[in-house]
Amino acid sequence: MNTRKIPAIIMLLAGSIACIMTYLNHYSLKDMLVVLILVLVIFLIIGLIVKGIMDSIHLPGTDAVKADGEVIEKTEEEQTEAEEQKTEEGEGPDQNKQETQES
């Protein structure tokens, strides 16, 4: 899963909300900037923690594509398992041949 942009998105959302709220509450420019910097730093840390948690959760089978966009091919064992599952469900290649011969 691509989690590289999560801290930036969280920071930008929090910063924009902080700017809007400080503007609506008529803060001075100096106070607005102090609040904005504090909010950005705090939410950067929160975003990095969220990113770390999401990176640590690794679901099997989600690495279908490498980082450079190259498709990862299945091993022979995975291919035979997939074919066995299809034949058990009645979707195997032999089933299709029988259907075409009967037609």
Foldseek 3Di string as FASTA:
>chain_A
DDLPCQLVVQLVVQLVVLLVVCVVVVHDPVVSVVSSVVSNVVSSVVSVVVSVVVVVDDDPPPPQADPVGHGDDDDPVVVVVVQVVCVVVQNHPVSVVVVVVVD
